[in-house]
Amino acid sequence: MRYVTIAITICYLFIPCPGHCDELTAKKKAAIKEMLQVSGSAQMGELIGNATAQQMIQLYKKTKPDMDPRAFEIMTEEIKGVFHDEFIVKESFYPFVYPIFHKYYSLADLYELIGFYKSPIGRKLVSMTPIITQDSMKAGQEWAQGIFPSLGQKLQSRFKEEGIVFE
């Protein structure tokens, strides 16, 4: 048994550990933060805030159609304000994402990503991604509308087979 313990200890000392086994140091946190900033990911809070506001407004428009339109303006302002403050001003999301990026990227990986995002093609990727995302979402909606009729028929048929009734 003693030899097994010694063998395991030797393995831990001499077998290389993947990049995610290193310590999450202040230097690595700074690299993660810089990579998120130069990649445009740090600004995702603004996009998430906008999407959240739109989803809430749509929900309220369906459930409370008589709601004062000013309420929707207030919702939008407040939601966007909170997300901006939390993501951009307070940077409160970094502690949640540090462990994720630490798990998958070594410090050397992060430096390479930072270099890429600072390159001309990396900057182009960052600047074009929001536009491409919007265009892709529109294309996805159009595509989905084309398959919804057949999907609806298949669902109705399957529900009928299974004896499931919606009222």
Foldseek 3Di string as FASTA:
>chain_A
DVVVVVVVVVCVVPPDDPQLPDDLDPLLLVLVVLLCVLLVVLVVLLVVLQVVLVVVVVVCCVVPVPDDVVVSVVSSVVSNVVSCCCRPVVVVCSVVCSSVCSNPDHSVRSVVSSVQSPDPVNVVCSVCVVVVVVVVVVVVVVVCVVCVVVVVVVVVVVCVVVVHDDD
